[in-house]
Protein backbone atom coordinates (compact mmCIF):
# COMPACT_ATOMS: atom_id res chain seq x y z
CA UNK A 1 -13.87 -18.10 32.00
CA UNK A 2 -16.90 -20.27 31.26
CA UNK A 3 -18.52 -19.65 27.90
CA UNK A 4 -22.03 -18.50 27.21
CA UNK A 5 -24.61 -21.15 26.40
CA UNK A 6 -24.19 -20.38 22.71
CA UNK A 7 -20.95 -22.37 22.79
CA UNK A 8 -20.67 -26.04 23.83
CA UNK A 9 -19.05 -26.68 27.18
CA UNK A 10 -17.02 -29.75 28.08
CA UNK A 11 -16.55 -31.10 31.61
CA UNK A 12 -13.93 -33.82 31.96
CA UNK A 13 -11.64 -35.48 34.45
CA UNK A 14 -11.15 -38.63 36.54
CA UNK A 15 -14.07 -39.86 38.60
CA UNK A 16 -12.16 -39.58 41.85
CA UNK A 17 -8.86 -38.01 42.87
CA UNK A 18 -6.33 -40.85 42.87
CA UNK A 19 -2.98 -39.04 42.74
CA UNK A 20 -1.45 -35.71 41.80
CA UNK A 21 0.26 -37.42 38.86
CA UNK A 22 -3.02 -38.56 37.29
CA UNK A 23 -4.59 -35.15 37.89
CA UNK A 24 -1.69 -33.49 36.08
CA UNK A 25 -1.74 -36.01 33.23
CA UNK A 26 -5.43 -35.40 32.61
CA UNK A 27 -5.18 -31.63 33.06
CA UNK A 28 -2.30 -31.37 30.59
CA UNK A 29 -4.37 -33.13 27.92
CA UNK A 30 -7.42 -30.96 28.63
CA UNK A 31 -5.32 -27.80 28.26
CA UNK A 32 -3.95 -29.11 24.96
CA UNK A 33 -7.46 -29.79 23.67
CA UNK A 34 -8.71 -26.44 24.92
CA UNK A 35 -5.97 -24.57 23.12
CA UNK A 36 -5.87 -26.61 19.89
CA UNK A 37 -9.63 -26.95 19.43
CA UNK A 38 -10.69 -23.63 20.92
CA UNK A 39 -13.18 -25.21 23.32
CA UNK A 40 -14.12 -24.44 26.90
CA UNK A 41 -13.28 -27.23 29.33
CA UNK A 42 -13.96 -27.54 33.05
CA UNK A 43 -11.80 -29.97 35.04
CA UNK A 44 -13.73 -32.40 37.25
CA UNK A 45 -12.62 -34.80 39.97
CA UNK A 46 -14.23 -35.87 43.26
CA UNK A 47 -12.51 -35.50 46.62
CA UNK A 48 -14.91 -38.07 48.10
CA UNK A 49 -17.18 -40.66 46.48
CA UNK A 50 -19.66 -40.90 49.31
CA UNK A 51 -22.05 -43.25 47.49
CA UNK A 52 -19.73 -46.13 46.63
CA UNK A 53 -21.51 -49.51 46.56
CA UNK A 54 -19.16 -51.27 48.97
CA UNK A 55 -17.74 -50.08 52.25
CA UNK A 56 -14.27 -51.15 51.16
CA UNK A 57 -14.30 -49.22 47.87
CA UNK A 58 -11.86 -46.33 47.45
CA UNK A 59 -13.52 -42.98 48.21
CA UNK A 60 -10.79 -40.41 47.64
CA UNK A 61 -8.46 -38.24 49.73
CA UNK A 62 -11.22 -36.39 51.59
CA UNK A 63 -12.33 -32.77 51.72
CA UNK A 64 -9.26 -30.91 52.95
CA UNK A 65 -6.57 -32.75 51.00
CA UNK A 66 -8.77 -33.14 47.93
CA UNK A 67 -9.57 -29.44 47.70
CA UNK A 68 -5.88 -28.60 48.03
CA UNK A 69 -5.08 -30.98 45.17
CA UNK A 70 -7.82 -29.40 43.03
CA UNK A 71 -6.54 -25.92 43.87
CA UNK A 72 -3.09 -27.04 42.73
CA UNK A 73 -4.57 -28.12 39.38
CA UNK A 74 -6.19 -24.72 38.94
CA UNK A 75 -3.01 -22.89 39.86
CA UNK A 76 -0.79 -25.00 37.61
CA UNK A 77 -3.04 -25.42 34.57
CA UNK A 78 -5.50 -22.54 34.66
CA UNK A 79 -8.58 -24.71 34.20
CA UNK A 80 -11.91 -23.91 35.84
CA UNK A 81 -12.93 -26.59 38.33
CA UNK A 82 -15.95 -28.54 39.46
CA UNK A 83 -16.43 -31.17 42.13
CA UNK A 84 -19.42 -32.66 43.90
CA UNK A 85 -20.72 -32.05 47.39
CA UNK A 86 -22.60 -34.63 49.42
CA UNK A 87 -23.35 -32.71 52.61
CA UNK A 88 -24.36 -29.09 53.08
CA UNK A 89 -21.44 -28.28 55.39
CA UNK A 90 -19.02 -29.01 52.53
CA UNK A 91 -20.43 -26.35 50.21
CA UNK A 92 -18.71 -23.31 51.70
CA UNK A 93 -15.21 -24.82 51.54
CA UNK A 94 -15.81 -26.23 48.07
CA UNK A 95 -17.11 -22.87 46.83
CA UNK A 96 -13.82 -21.24 47.81
CA UNK A 97 -11.94 -23.47 45.36
CA UNK A 98 -14.18 -24.45 42.45
CA UNK A 99 -16.08 -22.51 39.80
CA UNK A 100 -19.01 -24.93 39.61
CA UNK A 101 -20.52 -26.85 42.55
CA UNK A 102 -21.96 -30.18 41.43
CA UNK A 103 -24.98 -31.84 43.06
CA UNK A 104 -24.98 -35.66 42.73
CA UNK A 105 -28.04 -37.19 41.10
CA UNK A 106 -29.15 -39.13 44.18
CA UNK A 107 -29.11 -35.89 46.20
CA UNK A 108 -30.80 -33.48 43.80
CA UNK A 109 -33.90 -33.15 46.02
CA UNK A 110 -31.91 -32.34 49.18
CA UNK A 111 -33.02 -28.81 49.97
CA UNK A 112 -30.27 -27.93 52.45
CA UNK A 113 -27.60 -29.09 50.01
CA UNK A 114 -29.06 -27.06 47.14
CA UNK A 115 -29.46 -23.94 49.28
CA UNK A 116 -25.93 -24.17 50.71
CA UNK A 117 -24.51 -24.63 47.21
CA UNK A 118 -26.47 -21.64 45.90
CA UNK A 119 -25.11 -19.47 48.71
CA UNK A 120 -21.51 -20.07 47.59
CA UNK A 121 -22.15 -17.65 44.72
CA UNK A 122 -20.81 -20.21 42.28
CA UNK A 123 -22.61 -21.92 39.40
CA UNK A 124 -24.52 -24.99 40.61
CA UNK A 125 -24.74 -28.02 38.32
CA UNK A 126 -27.62 -30.28 39.36
CA UNK A 127 -27.63 -33.83 38.06
CA UNK A 128 -31.08 -35.25 37.36
CA UNK A 129 -31.89 -38.16 39.62
CA UNK A 130 -32.27 -41.55 38.00
CA UNK A 131 -35.79 -41.71 39.41
CA UNK A 132 -37.08 -38.26 38.36
CA UNK A 133 -38.65 -36.92 35.21
CA UNK A 134 -37.13 -33.98 33.39
CA UNK A 135 -40.12 -31.84 34.30
CA UNK A 136 -39.55 -32.51 38.02
CA UNK A 137 -36.13 -30.87 37.84
CA UNK A 138 -37.75 -27.46 37.77
CA UNK A 139 -38.15 -27.71 41.56
CA UNK A 140 -34.45 -28.35 42.19
CA UNK A 141 -33.62 -25.54 39.78
CA UNK A 142 -35.95 -23.15 41.62
CA UNK A 143 -34.49 -24.08 45.01
CA UNK A 144 -31.09 -22.90 43.80
CA UNK A 145 -32.25 -19.76 42.02
CA UNK A 146 -34.66 -18.71 44.78
CA UNK A 147 -31.84 -19.10 47.33
CA UNK A 148 -29.74 -16.47 45.60
CA UNK A 149 -28.05 -18.79 43.14
CA UNK A 150 -26.00 -17.10 40.44
CA UNK A 151 -26.72 -19.71 37.77
CA UNK A 152 -27.92 -23.32 37.67
CA UNK A 153 -27.24 -26.03 35.11
CA UNK A 154 -29.08 -29.33 34.70
CA UNK A 155 -27.45 -32.61 33.74
CA UNK A 156 -29.00 -35.74 32.25
CA UNK A 157 -27.43 -39.04 33.36
CA UNK A 158 -29.97 -41.73 32.55
CA UNK A 159 -33.06 -43.18 34.19
CA UNK A 160 -33.43 -46.37 36.22
CA UNK A 161 -34.86 -49.14 34.02
CA UNK A 162 -35.72 -52.10 36.20
CA UNK A 163 -32.92 -53.46 38.30
CA UNK A 164 -29.23 -52.74 37.59
CA UNK A 165 -29.80 -50.88 34.35
CA UNK A 166 -30.17 -47.36 33.01
CA UNK A 167 -31.69 -46.00 29.82
CA UNK A 168 -31.54 -42.49 28.41
CA UNK A 169 -34.68 -40.76 27.24
CA UNK A 170 -33.13 -37.99 25.16
CA UNK A 171 -36.38 -36.04 25.27
CA UNK A 172 -35.28 -35.12 28.80
CA UNK A 173 -32.64 -32.82 27.32
CA UNK A 174 -35.16 -30.88 25.29
CA UNK A 175 -37.52 -30.72 28.29
CA UNK A 176 -34.81 -29.44 30.62
CA UNK A 177 -33.78 -26.80 28.09
CA UNK A 178 -37.15 -25.19 28.86
CA UNK A 179 -36.02 -24.88 32.50
CA UNK A 180 -32.30 -24.03 32.30
CA UNK A 181 -30.17 -22.39 29.63
CA UNK A 182 -27.35 -24.89 30.14
CA UNK A 183 -28.24 -28.59 29.86
CA UNK A 184 -25.43 -31.11 29.98
CA UNK A 185 -25.28 -34.74 28.92
CA UNK A 186 -23.33 -36.96 31.29
CA UNK A 187 -22.04 -39.27 28.60
CA UNK A 188 -20.18 -41.68 30.89
CA UNK A 189 -22.49 -42.17 33.88
CA UNK A 190 -25.37 -42.75 31.47
CA UNK A 191 -23.72 -45.98 30.26
CA UNK A 192 -23.39 -47.40 33.77
CA UNK A 193 -24.75 -50.79 34.75
CA UNK A 194 -25.38 -50.26 38.48
CA UNK A 195 -25.45 -53.13 40.92
CA UNK A 196 -23.09 -55.74 42.31
CA UNK A 197 -20.06 -54.92 44.42
CA UNK A 198 -18.58 -52.87 41.55
CA UNK A 199 -20.65 -50.82 39.10
CA UNK A 200 -20.40 -52.03 35.52
CA UNK A 201 -20.79 -50.09 32.29
CA UNK A 202 -20.34 -49.94 28.53
CA UNK A 203 -17.83 -47.24 27.64
CA UNK A 204 -18.05 -48.14 23.94
CA UNK A 205 -21.39 -46.33 23.82
CA UNK A 206 -20.06 -43.03 25.16
CA UNK A 207 -19.40 -41.35 21.77
CA UNK A 208 -22.89 -42.24 20.54
CA UNK A 209 -24.47 -40.92 23.75
CA UNK A 210 -22.77 -37.59 23.13
CA UNK A 211 -23.90 -37.34 19.51
CA UNK A 212 -27.49 -38.26 20.35
CA UNK A 213 -27.53 -35.64 23.09
CA UNK A 214 -26.32 -33.01 20.63
CA UNK A 215 -29.23 -33.86 18.33
CA UNK A 216 -31.65 -33.16 21.19
CA UNK A 217 -30.13 -29.79 22.04
CA UNK A 218 -27.51 -30.43 24.72
CA UNK A 219 -25.03 -27.57 25.03
CA UNK A 220 -22.70 -29.26 27.47
CA UNK A 221 -21.02 -32.68 27.70
CA UNK A 222 -19.61 -34.47 30.74
CA UNK A 223 -16.96 -37.17 30.43
CA UNK A 224 -15.12 -39.05 33.12
CA UNK A 225 -11.72 -39.78 31.59
CA UNK A 226 -8.63 -41.63 32.75
CA UNK A 227 -5.28 -42.52 31.14
CA UNK A 228 -5.85 -46.19 32.10
CA UNK A 229 -9.58 -46.59 32.70
CA UNK A 230 -9.50 -50.35 33.27
CA UNK A 231 -7.44 -49.65 36.37
CA UNK A 232 -9.30 -46.54 37.52
CA UNK A 233 -10.31 -46.73 41.17
CA UNK A 234 -13.92 -45.68 40.51
CA UNK A 235 -16.32 -46.11 37.56
CA UNK A 236 -13.70 -47.99 35.55
CA UNK A 237 -16.15 -49.74 33.22
CA UNK A 238 -17.81 -46.58 31.92
CA UNK A 239 -14.84 -44.18 32.03
CA UNK A 240 -13.57 -43.04 28.63
CA UNK A 241 -9.93 -43.50 27.65
CA UNK A 242 -8.21 -40.11 27.89
CA UNK A 243 -6.65 -40.69 24.46
CA UNK A 244 -10.12 -40.91 22.88
CA UNK A 245 -11.48 -37.65 24.24
CA UNK A 246 -10.11 -35.59 21.36
CA UNK A 247 -11.98 -37.63 18.77
CA UNK A 248 -15.24 -37.40 20.68
CA UNK A 249 -14.95 -33.63 21.10
CA UNK A 250 -14.16 -33.20 17.40
CA UNK A 251 -17.26 -35.19 16.49
CA UNK A 252 -19.36 -32.78 18.56
CA UNK A 253 -17.86 -29.70 16.90
């Protein structure tokens, strides 16, 4: 059950599916936080990171195996799920497993992807591209809703600032709240330092990103978390330590 927009929503999980053991470790902690803090949490992990910088970077287990591993998490832990789709043909299979279909930021203008995701009947979470204004996201939102979408969320994840850097204009959150009822702050991708063979980042700023987003009206928060982020196989530099998630959530409550 995903809460109404009157209650903050938390999306958390490892960037990419690495192993069943890590999925279970993260899911167990999310269930503990859900039950002890009375919050709504959606489990997130990617079956394929199709936009890795280097050809040799780890991408994940792929569609079929990855969806089975996510389905196992849902069956074992009872958490709602989200994962991202990169091609329109993936949407139908993903919609049979997850509760929320996520559109990656770089792909948020891809009409066929948005339409296919809307047709799953699941909630569609659209990440704002690093090169778009908040106001421009109304068109992606409309593509989903006018294609029979049940509900669409918008997510802020920073804006390209020159080369290899992102900044967050928190006014985007307030602007997107005029478009969608649910606006989420991606607190970990927004501290990325893109570029080079491996994307860098500053995970120490994640808690502050979340608090600033709350001040501007965010009603959802996205965190990539890992029990050992320095050794995570994707987005290591900006991934939050799993052990610190509780403190960040408490600060937002």
